[in-house]
Amino acid sequence: MTTTTGTISPLMFGEFHSPADGISATTRTVTVLHPDGRQAPTDTRPAVRLVTRPQVTALRGVTMHHFEPATGCPPDRVGFMASGAWVVIDSPTARALNITPAAYPLHDRSETPARYAALSE
């Protein structure tokens, strides 16, 4: 079953926020999807999903979390990458997601392959 509702959460922006065409370029709040959620995403409050990655290399034993747009990255783009925006997770939402209340990176930036290659040089 796909989760289609969530909790409204604010975004914080770092000094070097650079979203390109990511969702944080145009919004200040997002809908964090989770099974206990009650709010549906909107065009001005897009849905994001939690991504959890256990580290198996340098940070062995540490689990890393970030959020990404629920729509997924377009197939003609490279991404998602951190944009300098952070999703602020309160205690009730953290309990629903089984994470610690905190601000987590929003990976909403994507690039064309050519732009990614140029920026990687």
C-alpha atoms as a PDB file:
ATOM      1  CA  MET A   1       0.000   0.000   0.000  1.00  0.00           C
ATOM      2  CA  THR A   2       1.302   3.443  -0.927  1.00  0.00           C
ATOM      3  CA  THR A   3       1.158   6.184   1.700  1.00  0.00           C
ATOM      4  CA  THR A   4      -0.533   9.278   0.290  1.00  0.00           C
ATOM      5  CA  THR A   5      -0.946  11.446   3.386  1.00  0.00           C
ATOM      6  CA  GLY A   6       1.418  12.852   5.965  1.00  0.00           C
ATOM      7  CA  THR A   7       2.283  15.727   8.260  1.00  0.00           C
ATOM      8  CA  ILE A   8       3.031  19.304   7.272  1.00  0.00           C
ATOM      9  CA  SER A   9       6.647  20.172   8.098  1.00  0.00           C
ATOM     10  CA  PRO A  10       8.587  23.407   7.617  1.00  0.00           C
ATOM     11  CA  LEU A  11      11.831  23.718   5.707  1.00  0.00           C
ATOM     12  CA  MET A  12      14.984  25.424   6.979  1.00  0.00           C
ATOM     13  CA  PHE A  13      17.526  26.833   4.567  1.00  0.00           C
ATOM     14  CA  GLY A  14      21.285  26.805   4.911  1.00  0.00           C
ATOM     15  CA  GLU A  15      23.590  29.630   3.911  1.00  0.00           C
ATOM     16  CA  PHE A  16      24.443  27.880   0.643  1.00  0.00           C
ATOM     17  CA  HIS A  17      20.910  26.840  -0.404  1.00  0.00           C
ATOM     18  CA  SER A  18      21.091  26.071  -4.116  1.00  0.00           C
ATOM     19  CA  PRO A  19      18.006  24.123  -5.196  1.00  0.00           C
ATOM     20  CA  ALA A  20      18.224  24.621  -8.980  1.00  0.00           C
ATOM     21  CA  ASP A  21      14.730  23.454  -9.975  1.00  0.00           C
ATOM     22  CA  GLY A  22      14.140  21.432  -6.798  1.00  0.00           C
ATOM     23  CA  ILE A  23      10.961  21.792  -4.772  1.00  0.00           C
ATOM     24  CA  SER A  24      12.696  23.962  -2.158  1.00  0.00           C
ATOM     25  CA  ALA A  25      13.091  26.680  -4.784  1.00  0.00           C
ATOM     26  CA  THR A  26       9.375  27.471  -4.530  1.00  0.00           C
ATOM     27  CA  THR A  27       8.029  26.120  -1.230  1.00  0.00           C
ATOM     28  CA  ARG A  28       8.631  26.682   2.476  1.00  0.00           C
ATOM     29  CA  THR A  29       6.671  23.650   3.745  1.00  0.00           C
ATOM     30  CA  VAL A  30       6.357  20.025   2.645  1.00  0.00           C
ATOM     31  CA  THR A  31       4.105  17.074   3.440  1.00  0.00           C
ATOM     32  CA  VAL A  32       6.150  14.313   5.083  1.00  0.00           C
ATOM     33  CA  LEU A  33       4.477  11.058   4.055  1.00  0.00           C
ATOM     34  CA  HIS A  34       3.797   8.411   6.704  1.00  0.00           C
ATOM     35  CA  PRO A  35       0.960   5.964   7.505  1.00  0.00           C
ATOM     36  CA  ASP A  36      -0.394   8.022  10.437  1.00  0.00           C
ATOM     37  CA  GLY A  37      -0.585  11.236   8.391  1.00  0.00           C
ATOM     38  CA  ARG A  38      -3.755  13.238   7.924  1.00  0.00           C
ATOM     39  CA  GLN A  39      -2.787  15.946   5.431  1.00  0.00           C
ATOM     40  CA  ALA A  40      -2.676  15.365   1.705  1.00  0.00           C
ATOM     41  CA  PRO A  41       0.126  16.944  -0.335  1.00  0.00           C
ATOM     42  CA  THR A  42      -0.700  19.938  -2.520  1.00  0.00           C
ATOM     43  CA  ASP A  43       1.031  21.751  -5.354  1.00  0.00           C
ATOM     44  CA  THR A  44       2.354  24.311  -2.860  1.00  0.00           C
ATOM     45  CA  ARG A  45       3.155  21.721  -0.175  1.00  0.00           C
ATOM     46  CA  PRO A  46       4.647  18.762  -2.092  1.00  0.00           C
ATOM     47  CA  ALA A  47       5.115  15.274  -0.677  1.00  0.00           C
ATOM     48  CA  VAL A  48       8.509  14.046   0.510  1.00  0.00           C
ATOM     49  CA  ARG A  49       9.525  10.587   1.668  1.00  0.00           C
ATOM     50  CA  LEU A  50      12.111   9.421   4.166  1.00  0.00           C
ATOM     51  CA  VAL A  51      15.167   7.669   2.708  1.00  0.00           C
ATOM     52  CA  THR A  52      17.206   5.552   5.120  1.00  0.00           C
ATOM     53  CA  ARG A  53      20.651   4.236   4.211  1.00  0.00           C
ATOM     54  CA  PRO A  54      22.799   2.146   6.542  1.00  0.00           C
ATOM     55  CA  GLN A  55      26.442   3.063   6.027  1.00  0.00           C
ATOM     56  CA  VAL A  56      28.745   0.191   5.144  1.00  0.00           C
ATOM     57  CA  THR A  57      31.938   2.131   4.424  1.00  0.00           C
ATOM     58  CA  ALA A  58      33.437   5.093   6.294  1.00  0.00           C
ATOM     59  CA  LEU A  59      30.642   5.434   8.865  1.00  0.00           C
ATOM     60  CA  ARG A  60      30.147   1.741   9.433  1.00  0.00           C
ATOM     61  CA  GLY A  61      27.213   1.090  11.745  1.00  0.00           C
ATOM     62  CA  VAL A  62      25.676   4.558  11.341  1.00  0.00           C
ATOM     63  CA  THR A  63      22.293   4.903   9.645  1.00  0.00           C
ATOM     64  CA  MET A  64      21.838   8.053   7.567  1.00  0.00           C
ATOM     65  CA  HIS A  65      18.440   9.662   6.850  1.00  0.00           C
ATOM     66  CA  HIS A  66      17.347  12.274   4.350  1.00  0.00           C
ATOM     67  CA  PHE A  67      14.155  13.224   2.511  1.00  0.00           C
ATOM     68  CA  GLU A  68      13.434  13.229  -1.230  1.00  0.00           C
ATOM     69  CA  PRO A  69      10.440  14.331  -3.300  1.00  0.00           C
ATOM     70  CA  ALA A  70       7.923  11.478  -3.400  1.00  0.00           C
ATOM     71  CA  THR A  71       7.472  11.932  -7.148  1.00  0.00           C
ATOM     72  CA  GLY A  72      10.958  10.583  -7.841  1.00  0.00           C
ATOM     73  CA  CYS A  73      13.706  11.986 -10.022  1.00  0.00           C
ATOM     74  CA  PRO A  74      12.870  12.420 -13.718  1.00  0.00           C
ATOM     75  CA  PRO A  75      14.585   9.730 -15.825  1.00  0.00           C
ATOM     76  CA  ASP A  76      16.518  12.324 -17.860  1.00  0.00           C
ATOM     77  CA  ARG A  77      18.102  13.844 -14.744  1.00  0.00           C
ATOM     78  CA  VAL A  78      20.916  12.962 -12.329  1.00  0.00           C
ATOM     79  CA  GLY A  79      19.881  13.171  -8.699  1.00  0.00           C
ATOM     80  CA  PHE A  80      18.566  13.673  -6.148  1.00  0.00           C
ATOM     81  CA  MET A  81      21.258  15.702  -4.343  1.00  0.00           C
ATOM     82  CA  ALA A  82      21.260  17.878  -1.237  1.00  0.00           C
ATOM     83  CA  SER A  83      20.180  21.444  -1.960  1.00  0.00           C
ATOM     84  CA  GLY A  84      20.946  23.118   1.352  1.00  0.00           C
ATOM     85  CA  ALA A  85      17.354  22.811   2.586  1.00  0.00           C
ATOM     86  CA  TRP A  86      16.399  20.814   5.675  1.00  0.00           C
ATOM     87  CA  VAL A  87      13.085  19.215   6.677  1.00  0.00           C
ATOM     88  CA  VAL A  88      12.240  19.933  10.321  1.00  0.00           C
ATOM     89  CA  ILE A  89      10.738  16.844  11.964  1.00  0.00           C
ATOM     90  CA  ASP A  90       8.757  17.315  15.185  1.00  0.00           C
ATOM     91  CA  SER A  91       8.237  14.652  17.876  1.00  0.00           C
ATOM     92  CA  PRO A  92       4.911  13.174  16.665  1.00  0.00           C
ATOM     93  CA  THR A  93       6.187  12.869  13.083  1.00  0.00           C
ATOM     94  CA  ALA A  94       9.463  11.392  14.312  1.00  0.00           C
ATOM     95  CA  ARG A  95       7.546   8.750  16.262  1.00  0.00           C
ATOM     96  CA  ALA A  96       5.502   7.882  13.167  1.00  0.00           C
ATOM     97  CA  LEU A  97       8.724   7.507  11.135  1.00  0.00           C
ATOM     98  CA  ASN A  98      10.744   5.849  13.922  1.00  0.00           C
ATOM     99  CA  ILE A  99      13.491   8.491  13.795  1.00  0.00           C
ATOM    100  CA  THR A 100      14.760  11.200  16.168  1.00  0.00           C
ATOM    101  CA  PRO A 101      13.174  14.682  16.060  1.00  0.00           C
ATOM    102  CA  ALA A 102      15.652  16.838  14.155  1.00  0.00           C
ATOM    103  CA  ALA A 103      16.242  18.666  10.877  1.00  0.00           C
ATOM    104  CA  TYR A 104      17.146  16.274   8.044  1.00  0.00           C
ATOM    105  CA  PRO A 105      18.669  17.144   4.649  1.00  0.00           C
ATOM    106  CA  LEU A 106      16.276  17.513   1.744  1.00  0.00           C
ATOM    107  CA  HIS A 107      17.736  15.976  -1.409  1.00  0.00           C
ATOM    108  CA  ASP A 108      15.607  17.742  -4.026  1.00  0.00           C
ATOM    109  CA  ARG A 109      18.183  19.041  -6.476  1.00  0.00           C
ATOM    110  CA  SER A 110      18.684  17.297  -9.817  1.00  0.00           C
ATOM    111  CA  GLU A 111      20.751  18.137 -12.869  1.00  0.00           C
ATOM    112  CA  THR A 112      20.917  17.214 -16.518  1.00  0.00           C
ATOM    113  CA  PRO A 113      23.771  14.791 -17.205  1.00  0.00           C
ATOM    114  CA  ALA A 114      25.680  17.527 -19.049  1.00  0.00           C
ATOM    115  CA  ARG A 115      25.270  20.043 -16.216  1.00  0.00           C
ATOM    116  CA  TYR A 116      26.228  17.414 -13.636  1.00  0.00           C
ATOM    117  CA  ALA A 117      29.397  16.588 -15.590  1.00  0.00           C
ATOM    118  CA  ALA A 118      30.303  20.287 -15.916  1.00  0.00           C
ATOM    119  CA  LEU A 119      29.812  20.916 -12.191  1.00  0.00           C
ATOM    120  CA  SER A 120      31.809  17.780 -11.310  1.00  0.00           C
ATOM    121  CA  GLU A 121      34.981  18.904 -13.061  1.00  0.00           C
END
